Amino acid sequence: MRKVILRDRRKIPPFNEPARDLSVLNKPLWLFHRDLLARYTTEEREVDSINEIEKDREETLVYRDNLYFDDVFIEEFITRAKASGKACQVAFSLDDRAITGQAIYLQRGIRRQGNYFVADLWYYPYGIEPVVRPLVIDTAPRRIGFYHVPTHMSDAYGDLVYHLPTKPFLSIEHWMHILHANIDFGIFAIGARYENRLNKDVGLALKLLWRGMWERKQVLTTSGIVEIGRDCDIDPTAVIQGPSFIGNNVKIGPGVIVRNCIVGDNVTIDHGCQLMLSVVGNGTFLPFRAALYRTVLMPECMVAQNTCLQMCVVGRESFIGAGNTFTDFYLVDRPIRALFGGRLEETGMTAIGGAVGHNVRIGSGMIVMPARMIESDVILIPSPERRIIAANIYYEDSDHLKVKNGEQLHPRKFPRD
């Protein structure tokens, strides 16, 4: 089958790169797609418009390169589309809670068309056709209560609740979708499917119980549910609960807690760090007592001691100094909004952290308000005037831009190194 990729050249702030170049589950999205679709397709080409595709009768899969979907989703779509023998476009029910609850915000790619939501993913059995039929995929969301909190922070029962898909699909048009693709629609989808298997497969449950007895570990920490790569050095006092995936040449120090995380290759996690529901990119360094919760670190980052990141996305090669806090909840009762397309729009989230671009340097002791962005290549130096980041920080606001002869150097003229 031929694969045709529709290029989406829009750049995602604060990273200033197209979605295809940003990390999803520790791979650039374009590579994630290529690996995922390798068993279905034998030919690949990229175009800017569907009108550029040749009008031949070759079986063709077409998708926009800013979409996120996983193996379970695409297998169902391709299998059902092939079985129909007709040209199909992916569609979703208007009451699909994963789509309406999270995926529909801050984007335009998933849009209503008649009685369905549709997006830019098509299957053509005999080449490009003008008429396609909607193929409705149920994302099979699970209602998940994250934790019990005071009722003023949640619903009447005191639970922070989300509807998370076990067959995820997103159109990545905002940094928040990178968070969803990695965490809510990524790690959670993997965990939810694993939990479904345990509930249905008694043999698997007994196998894990036996393995726990053999390894003298609690079931969630056994090798049956925690995958560890080659040449890793893990202190015996560290606790790793699954489903978790640890890469090669990873060093994990005493007292570290890792729960439901994906950790890349050549990562160091030092004494007392705590990681929960997070993705840590290759080559990242976490000194003692750093804390990540539902956070994405792209490759080659460093998060220093006593810094807490909650529901955040951090770009490649960024440094976040000691004692920083990225807040995720407004103390006053108002919805969290984020900048999208030049204006503030609803996020659909009751709590959300911030986003840090590539090659950012942040000093110690700052507080970043919810849904704020710090653009790539920015340097923030602590000062009495700059301790609370209450607005988006752009490159022109960087502290490394100096004043010369009474005039600020234009950012394009200022040396980067």
Protein backbone atom coordinates (compact mmCIF):
# COMPACT_ATOMS: atom_id res chain seq x y z
CA MET A 1 0.00 0.00 0.00
CA ARG A 2 1.19 3.51 -0.80
CA LYS A 3 1.48 6.06 2.02
CA VAL A 4 1.01 9.75 1.23
CA ILE A 5 1.84 12.31 3.92
CA LEU A 6 0.18 15.73 3.86
CA ARG A 7 2.73 18.19 5.23
CA ASP A 8 1.53 20.58 7.92
CA ARG A 9 4.14 23.35 8.03
CA ARG A 10 2.60 25.33 10.90
CA LYS A 11 5.05 25.84 13.74
CA ILE A 12 3.97 24.98 17.28
CA PRO A 13 4.83 27.64 19.90
CA PRO A 14 6.95 27.80 21.99
CA PHE A 15 9.11 25.27 20.11
CA ASN A 16 8.85 27.02 16.72
CA GLU A 17 8.86 23.69 14.91
CA PRO A 18 6.15 21.75 13.04
CA ALA A 19 4.40 19.04 15.02
CA ARG A 20 6.15 16.30 13.02
CA ASP A 21 9.52 17.24 14.58
CA LEU A 22 8.33 17.19 18.20
CA SER A 23 8.70 14.20 20.53
CA VAL A 24 5.91 11.69 21.08
CA LEU A 25 6.71 8.73 23.33
CA ASN A 26 10.42 9.46 22.92
CA LYS A 27 10.45 9.68 19.11
CA PRO A 28 9.95 12.56 16.67
CA LEU A 29 6.37 12.29 15.46
CA TRP A 30 7.48 11.61 11.85
CA LEU A 31 9.57 8.64 13.01
CA PHE A 32 6.76 7.43 15.26
CA HIS A 33 4.47 7.39 12.19
CA ARG A 34 7.07 5.63 10.02
CA ASP A 35 7.67 2.84 12.53
CA LEU A 36 3.96 2.45 13.21
CA LEU A 37 2.97 2.17 9.54
CA ALA A 38 5.95 0.12 8.31
CA ARG A 39 4.00 -3.15 8.31
CA TYR A 40 1.14 -1.69 6.26
CA THR A 41 2.91 0.34 3.57
CA THR A 42 5.69 -0.19 1.04
CA GLU A 43 5.96 3.26 -0.55
CA GLU A 44 6.03 6.79 0.86
CA ARG A 45 5.80 10.30 -0.51
CA GLU A 46 5.07 13.77 0.90
CA VAL A 47 2.82 16.44 -0.62
CA ASP A 48 1.38 19.78 0.43
CA SER A 49 -2.10 19.07 -0.92
CA ILE A 50 -4.19 16.03 -1.70
CA ASN A 51 -4.55 17.47 -5.22
CA GLU A 52 -0.87 16.66 -5.86
CA ILE A 53 -1.45 12.90 -5.57
CA GLU A 54 -1.43 11.01 -8.88
CA LYS A 55 -4.81 9.81 -10.12
CA ASP A 56 -3.87 6.15 -10.48
CA ARG A 57 -5.60 3.09 -9.06
CA GLU A 58 -3.09 2.24 -6.36
CA GLU A 59 -4.25 1.42 -2.83
CA THR A 60 -3.41 4.52 -0.79
CA LEU A 61 -3.34 5.69 2.81
CA VAL A 62 -3.32 9.49 3.25
CA TYR A 63 -2.79 11.34 6.53
CA ARG A 64 -1.72 14.77 7.75
CA ASP A 65 1.64 14.66 9.49
CA ASN A 66 0.49 16.47 12.65
CA LEU A 67 -1.89 13.67 13.63
CA TYR A 68 -1.25 11.36 16.56
CA PHE A 69 -2.68 7.85 16.58
CA ASP A 70 -1.28 4.61 17.95
CA ASP A 71 -1.04 1.02 16.74
CA VAL A 72 -4.41 -0.07 18.13
CA PHE A 73 -6.22 2.84 16.47
CA ILE A 74 -4.61 2.54 13.04
CA GLU A 75 -5.01 -1.23 12.96
CA GLU A 76 -8.77 -0.90 13.45
CA PHE A 77 -9.04 1.90 10.89
CA ILE A 78 -7.10 0.07 8.17
CA THR A 79 -8.72 -3.31 8.85
CA ARG A 80 -12.25 -1.97 8.73
CA ALA A 81 -11.54 0.29 5.75
CA LYS A 82 -10.06 -2.60 3.75
CA ALA A 83 -13.04 -4.81 4.66
CA SER A 84 -15.46 -2.16 3.38
CA GLY A 85 -13.75 -2.01 -0.02
CA LYS A 86 -14.65 1.69 -0.26
CA ALA A 87 -12.91 5.02 0.13
CA CYS A 88 -13.10 6.05 3.81
CA GLN A 89 -12.31 9.04 5.98
CA VAL A 90 -11.81 8.71 9.71
CA ALA A 91 -14.77 9.96 11.75
CA PHE A 92 -15.91 10.10 15.35
CA SER A 93 -19.25 10.19 17.10
CA LEU A 94 -20.38 13.57 18.39
CA ASP A 95 -20.67 12.07 21.87
CA ASP A 96 -17.19 10.48 21.96
CA ARG A 97 -16.06 11.77 25.35
CA ALA A 98 -12.32 11.58 24.63
CA ILE A 99 -12.77 13.77 21.54
CA THR A 100 -15.18 16.29 23.09
CA GLY A 101 -13.45 16.28 26.48
CA GLN A 102 -9.88 16.98 25.38
CA ALA A 103 -9.03 16.51 21.71
CA ILE A 104 -11.40 19.18 20.35
CA TYR A 105 -9.79 22.12 22.18
CA LEU A 106 -7.15 24.47 20.69
CA GLN A 107 -7.26 22.92 17.23
CA ARG A 108 -9.14 22.94 13.92
CA GLY A 109 -8.12 19.61 12.39
CA ILE A 110 -10.87 17.57 14.06
CA ARG A 111 -14.00 19.35 12.82
CA ARG A 112 -17.69 18.70 12.64
CA GLN A 113 -19.10 17.54 9.33
CA GLY A 114 -22.80 16.68 9.45
CA ASN A 115 -23.43 14.16 12.20
CA TYR A 116 -19.77 13.33 12.80
CA PHE A 117 -16.38 14.75 13.62
CA VAL A 118 -13.90 14.07 10.80
CA ALA A 119 -10.13 14.51 10.41
CA ASP A 120 -7.44 14.23 7.71
CA LEU A 121 -6.93 10.47 7.56
CA TRP A 122 -8.19 8.59 4.47
CA TYR A 123 -8.03 5.14 2.94
CA TYR A 124 -8.52 4.68 -0.82
CA PRO A 125 -8.68 1.09 -2.12
CA TYR A 126 -8.37 2.13 -5.80
CA GLY A 127 -6.57 5.46 -5.75
CA ILE A 128 -7.85 8.94 -4.91
CA GLU A 129 -11.63 9.36 -5.30
CA PRO A 130 -13.80 12.46 -4.89
CA VAL A 131 -16.39 10.69 -2.73
CA VAL A 132 -15.50 9.14 0.62
CA ARG A 133 -17.67 7.75 3.37
CA PRO A 134 -17.10 8.38 7.10
CA LEU A 135 -15.66 5.44 9.00
CA VAL A 136 -16.59 5.99 12.65
CA ILE A 137 -13.97 4.82 15.15
CA ASP A 138 -14.92 4.60 18.81
CA THR A 139 -11.95 5.75 20.89
CA ALA A 140 -13.35 3.57 23.73
CA PRO A 141 -12.66 6.12 26.48
CA ARG A 142 -12.37 5.12 30.11
CA ARG A 143 -13.57 7.42 32.86
CA ILE A 144 -10.56 7.88 35.10
CA GLY A 145 -10.48 9.66 38.45
CA PHE A 146 -6.90 10.83 38.94
CA TYR A 147 -7.06 11.61 42.62
CA HIS A 148 -9.44 12.75 45.33
CA VAL A 149 -9.33 16.50 45.93
CA PRO A 150 -11.50 19.13 47.63
CA THR A 151 -14.77 19.64 45.79
CA HIS A 152 -13.96 23.26 44.88
CA MET A 153 -11.24 21.85 42.61
CA SER A 154 -13.34 19.21 40.91
CA ASP A 155 -16.81 17.73 40.60
CA ALA A 156 -19.33 17.20 43.39
CA TYR A 157 -17.63 13.97 44.44
CA GLY A 158 -14.16 15.42 44.82
CA ASP A 159 -12.54 13.52 41.94
CA LEU A 160 -10.53 14.99 39.08
CA VAL A 161 -12.05 12.99 36.23
CA TYR A 162 -11.03 12.62 32.58
CA HIS A 163 -12.30 10.42 29.78
CA LEU A 164 -9.15 8.87 28.35
CA PRO A 165 -9.16 6.89 25.10
CA THR A 166 -7.86 3.36 24.75
CA LYS A 167 -7.75 4.00 20.97
CA PRO A 168 -6.30 7.53 20.89
CA PHE A 169 -6.41 10.15 18.13
CA LEU A 170 -5.29 13.81 18.18
CA SER A 171 -4.58 16.67 15.83
CA ILE A 172 -1.44 18.31 17.25
CA GLU A 173 -1.76 22.06 16.77
CA HIS A 174 -0.77 23.34 20.22
CA TRP A 175 1.84 22.44 22.83
CA MET A 176 -0.93 21.06 25.02
CA HIS A 177 -1.59 18.34 22.44
CA ILE A 178 2.03 17.20 22.84
CA LEU A 179 1.23 16.71 26.52
CA HIS A 180 -1.97 14.80 25.69
CA ALA A 181 -0.27 12.62 23.05
CA ASN A 182 2.47 11.57 25.47
CA ILE A 183 0.52 11.32 28.71
CA ASP A 184 -3.29 11.26 28.60
CA PHE A 185 -3.53 9.64 25.15
CA GLY A 186 -0.16 7.86 25.43
CA ILE A 187 0.93 6.38 28.76
CA PHE A 188 -2.65 6.26 30.06
CA ALA A 189 -3.87 4.46 26.93
CA ILE A 190 -1.11 1.87 27.34
CA GLY A 191 -1.94 1.42 31.02
CA ALA A 192 -5.69 1.26 30.45
CA ARG A 193 -5.31 -1.43 27.78
CA TYR A 194 -3.02 -3.40 30.08
CA GLU A 195 -5.58 -3.16 32.88
CA ASN A 196 -8.29 -4.38 30.50
CA ARG A 197 -6.12 -7.39 29.65
CA LEU A 198 -5.62 -8.21 33.32
CA ASN A 199 -9.38 -8.03 33.97
CA LYS A 200 -10.15 -10.37 31.07
CA ASP A 201 -7.15 -12.73 31.12
CA VAL A 202 -7.01 -14.74 34.34
CA GLY A 203 -3.95 -16.59 33.07
CA LEU A 204 -2.00 -13.32 32.67
CA ALA A 205 -3.00 -12.20 36.17
CA LEU A 206 -1.84 -15.51 37.66
CA LYS A 207 1.40 -15.35 35.66
CA LEU A 208 2.17 -11.89 37.08
CA LEU A 209 1.28 -13.06 40.60
CA TRP A 210 3.63 -16.02 40.26
CA ARG A 211 6.38 -13.79 38.91
CA GLY A 212 5.92 -11.46 41.87
CA MET A 213 6.32 -14.38 44.27
CA TRP A 214 9.39 -15.64 42.38
CA GLU A 215 11.07 -12.21 42.28
CA ARG A 216 9.82 -11.35 45.81
CA LYS A 217 8.31 -8.12 44.57
CA GLN A 218 4.95 -6.43 44.52
CA VAL A 219 3.18 -7.35 41.25
CA LEU A 220 3.36 -3.83 39.75
CA THR A 221 7.17 -3.79 40.19
CA THR A 222 7.95 -7.16 38.58
CA SER A 223 9.74 -7.69 35.29
CA GLY A 224 6.41 -8.74 33.78
CA ILE A 225 5.15 -5.18 33.85
CA VAL A 226 8.38 -3.14 34.04
CA GLU A 227 10.66 -3.34 30.97
CA ILE A 228 14.30 -2.45 31.63
CA GLY A 229 16.90 -2.06 28.88
CA ARG A 230 20.56 -3.07 28.70
CA ASP A 231 23.42 -1.89 30.94
CA CYS A 232 21.22 -0.15 33.51
CA ASP A 233 22.37 0.67 37.05
CA ILE A 234 19.35 0.74 39.37
CA ASP A 235 19.77 1.12 43.12
CA PRO A 236 17.93 -1.60 45.08
CA THR A 237 16.07 1.03 47.13
CA ALA A 238 14.50 2.57 44.00
CA VAL A 239 10.84 1.72 43.35
CA ILE A 240 9.69 1.30 39.74
CA GLN A 241 6.01 0.52 39.17
CA GLY A 242 4.53 -0.39 35.81
CA PRO A 243 3.59 -0.28 33.16
CA SER A 244 6.96 1.45 32.83
CA PHE A 245 9.62 1.31 30.13
CA ILE A 246 13.26 2.04 31.02
CA GLY A 247 15.77 2.50 28.19
CA ASN A 248 19.41 1.43 27.85
CA ASN A 249 22.30 2.70 30.00
CA VAL A 250 19.98 4.33 32.55
CA LYS A 251 21.18 5.14 36.06
CA ILE A 252 18.58 5.35 38.85
CA GLY A 253 19.78 6.34 42.32
CA PRO A 254 18.70 5.56 45.89
CA GLY A 255 15.16 6.38 46.96
CA VAL A 256 13.92 7.18 43.45
CA ILE A 257 10.24 6.48 42.69
CA VAL A 258 9.16 5.90 39.08
CA ARG A 259 5.50 5.14 38.40
CA ASN A 260 3.99 4.55 34.96
CA CYS A 261 6.74 6.31 33.02
CA ILE A 262 8.71 6.02 29.80
CA VAL A 263 12.40 6.75 30.35
CA GLY A 264 14.74 7.01 27.35
CA ASP A 265 18.36 5.91 26.86
CA ASN A 266 21.37 7.36 28.73
CA VAL A 267 19.21 9.00 31.41
CA THR A 268 20.42 9.71 34.97
CA ILE A 269 17.81 9.98 37.74
CA ASP A 270 19.57 10.77 41.00
CA HIS A 271 18.78 10.43 44.70
CA GLY A 272 15.19 10.94 45.82
CA CYS A 273 13.66 12.01 42.50
CA GLN A 274 9.98 11.24 41.99
CA LEU A 275 8.47 10.60 38.55
CA MET A 276 4.84 9.78 37.87
CA LEU A 277 3.08 9.41 34.52
CA SER A 278 5.90 11.16 32.68
CA VAL A 279 8.05 10.75 29.56
CA VAL A 280 11.77 11.45 29.93
CA GLY A 281 13.81 11.95 26.75
CA ASN A 282 17.20 10.44 25.89
CA GLY A 283 20.23 11.92 27.65
CA THR A 284 18.25 13.74 30.34
CA PHE A 285 19.76 14.41 33.77
CA LEU A 286 17.65 14.75 36.94
CA PRO A 287 19.73 15.63 40.03
CA PHE A 288 18.47 14.84 43.52
CA ARG A 289 14.85 15.53 44.57
CA ALA A 290 13.52 16.70 41.20
CA ALA A 291 9.83 15.87 40.73
CA LEU A 292 7.84 15.24 37.54
CA TYR A 293 4.10 14.64 37.39
CA ARG A 294 2.38 14.06 34.01
CA THR A 295 5.27 15.88 32.33
CA VAL A 296 7.18 15.48 29.06
CA LEU A 297 10.91 16.15 28.84
CA MET A 298 12.36 16.04 25.33
CA PRO A 299 15.98 14.81 24.86
CA GLU A 300 19.05 16.24 26.61
CA CYS A 301 17.22 18.21 29.32
CA MET A 302 18.30 18.92 32.88
CA VAL A 303 15.90 19.62 35.74
CA ALA A 304 17.78 20.60 38.88
CA GLN A 305 17.13 19.77 42.53
CA ASN A 306 13.86 20.68 44.27
CA THR A 307 12.18 21.72 41.03
CA CYS A 308 8.62 20.51 40.50
CA LEU A 309 7.05 20.19 37.06
CA GLN A 310 3.36 19.31 36.88
CA MET A 311 1.60 18.74 33.53
CA CYS A 312 4.38 20.49 31.60
CA VAL A 313 6.21 20.06 28.29
CA VAL A 314 9.92 20.92 28.07
CA GLY A 315 11.78 21.12 24.75
CA ARG A 316 15.17 19.69 23.77
CA GLU A 317 18.41 20.70 25.50
CA SER A 318 16.71 22.93 28.06
CA PHE A 319 17.93 23.59 31.60
CA ILE A 320 15.58 24.33 34.48
CA GLY A 321 17.41 25.43 37.61
CA ALA A 322 16.87 24.53 41.23
CA GLY A 323 13.74 25.33 43.21
CA ASN A 324 11.43 26.25 40.34
CA THR A 325 7.71 25.51 40.50
CA PHE A 326 5.40 25.26 37.51
CA THR A 327 1.90 25.69 38.93
CA ASP A 328 -1.10 23.99 37.33
CA PHE A 329 -4.20 25.31 39.11
CA TYR A 330 -5.73 28.78 39.41
CA LEU A 331 -6.50 29.82 42.96
CA VAL A 332 -9.34 32.02 41.75
CA ASP A 333 -12.37 30.35 40.19
CA ARG A 334 -11.89 30.96 36.47
CA PRO A 335 -11.25 28.65 33.49
CA ILE A 336 -7.71 28.10 32.26
CA ARG A 337 -7.17 29.57 28.81
CA ALA A 338 -4.14 29.39 26.52
CA LEU A 339 -2.94 31.36 23.51
CA PHE A 340 -3.94 29.77 20.20
CA GLY A 341 -4.10 31.46 16.82
CA GLY A 342 -3.40 34.87 18.33
CA ARG A 343 -6.12 34.79 20.98
CA LEU A 344 -6.88 33.15 24.31
CA GLU A 345 -9.08 30.05 24.05
CA GLU A 346 -10.46 27.53 26.53
CA THR A 347 -8.20 24.55 27.23
CA GLY A 348 -10.90 22.23 28.56
CA MET A 349 -8.59 21.48 31.50
CA THR A 350 -9.14 22.23 35.18
CA ALA A 351 -5.39 22.00 35.75
CA ILE A 352 -2.50 22.43 33.30
CA GLY A 353 1.15 23.39 33.64
CA GLY A 354 3.39 25.31 31.29
CA ALA A 355 5.54 24.81 28.19
CA VAL A 356 9.25 25.49 27.76
CA GLY A 357 10.80 25.63 24.29
CA HIS A 358 14.10 24.22 23.03
CA ASN A 359 17.47 25.37 24.39
CA VAL A 360 15.95 27.42 27.22
CA ARG A 361 17.88 28.33 30.38
CA ILE A 362 15.88 29.10 33.52
CA GLY A 363 17.54 30.20 36.75
CA SER A 364 16.51 29.22 40.26
CA GLY A 365 13.48 29.99 42.39
CA MET A 366 10.86 31.05 39.85
CA ILE A 367 7.14 30.39 39.82
CA VAL A 368 5.44 29.87 36.45
CA MET A 369 1.67 30.35 36.26
CA PRO A 370 -0.61 27.78 34.53
CA ALA A 371 -0.66 27.53 30.71
CA ARG A 372 2.26 29.95 30.22
CA MET A 373 4.86 29.49 27.47
CA ILE A 374 8.59 30.27 27.47
CA GLU A 375 9.85 30.46 23.88
CA SER A 376 12.90 28.61 22.54
CA ASP A 377 16.38 30.10 23.19
CA VAL A 378 15.19 32.26 26.08
CA ILE A 379 17.38 32.82 29.16
CA LEU A 380 15.62 33.83 32.40
CA ILE A 381 17.84 35.16 35.18
CA PRO A 382 16.27 35.46 38.65
CA SER A 383 15.78 38.94 40.03
CA PRO A 384 13.38 40.63 42.46
CA GLU A 385 11.44 41.92 39.46
CA ARG A 386 11.26 38.53 37.76
CA ARG A 387 10.23 35.81 40.17
CA ILE A 388 6.68 35.09 39.03
CA ILE A 389 6.12 34.35 35.34
CA ALA A 390 2.54 35.53 34.82
CA ALA A 391 2.70 36.07 31.03
CA ASN A 392 4.19 34.27 28.04
CA ILE A 393 7.92 34.93 27.58
CA TYR A 394 9.15 35.46 24.02
CA TYR A 395 12.66 35.53 22.63
CA GLU A 396 12.63 39.33 22.63
CA ASP A 397 12.07 39.18 26.42
CA SER A 398 15.15 37.03 27.05
CA ASP A 399 17.56 38.31 29.69
CA HIS A 400 20.57 37.67 27.47
CA LEU A 401 19.60 40.49 25.13
CA LYS A 402 21.79 43.36 26.25
CA VAL A 403 21.43 47.09 25.86
CA LYS A 404 24.20 48.77 23.88
CA ASN A 405 24.49 52.51 23.39
CA GLY A 406 21.03 52.95 24.81
CA GLU A 407 19.43 50.65 22.24
CA GLN A 408 18.44 47.04 22.58
CA LEU A 409 20.12 44.87 19.98
CA HIS A 410 17.69 43.36 17.52
CA PRO A 411 17.31 39.65 18.40
CA ARG A 412 18.32 38.57 14.88
CA LYS A 413 21.60 40.53 15.19
CA PHE A 414 22.49 39.34 18.68
CA PRO A 415 24.96 36.41 18.68
CA ARG A 416 23.34 33.15 19.75
CA ASP A 417 26.50 31.64 21.32
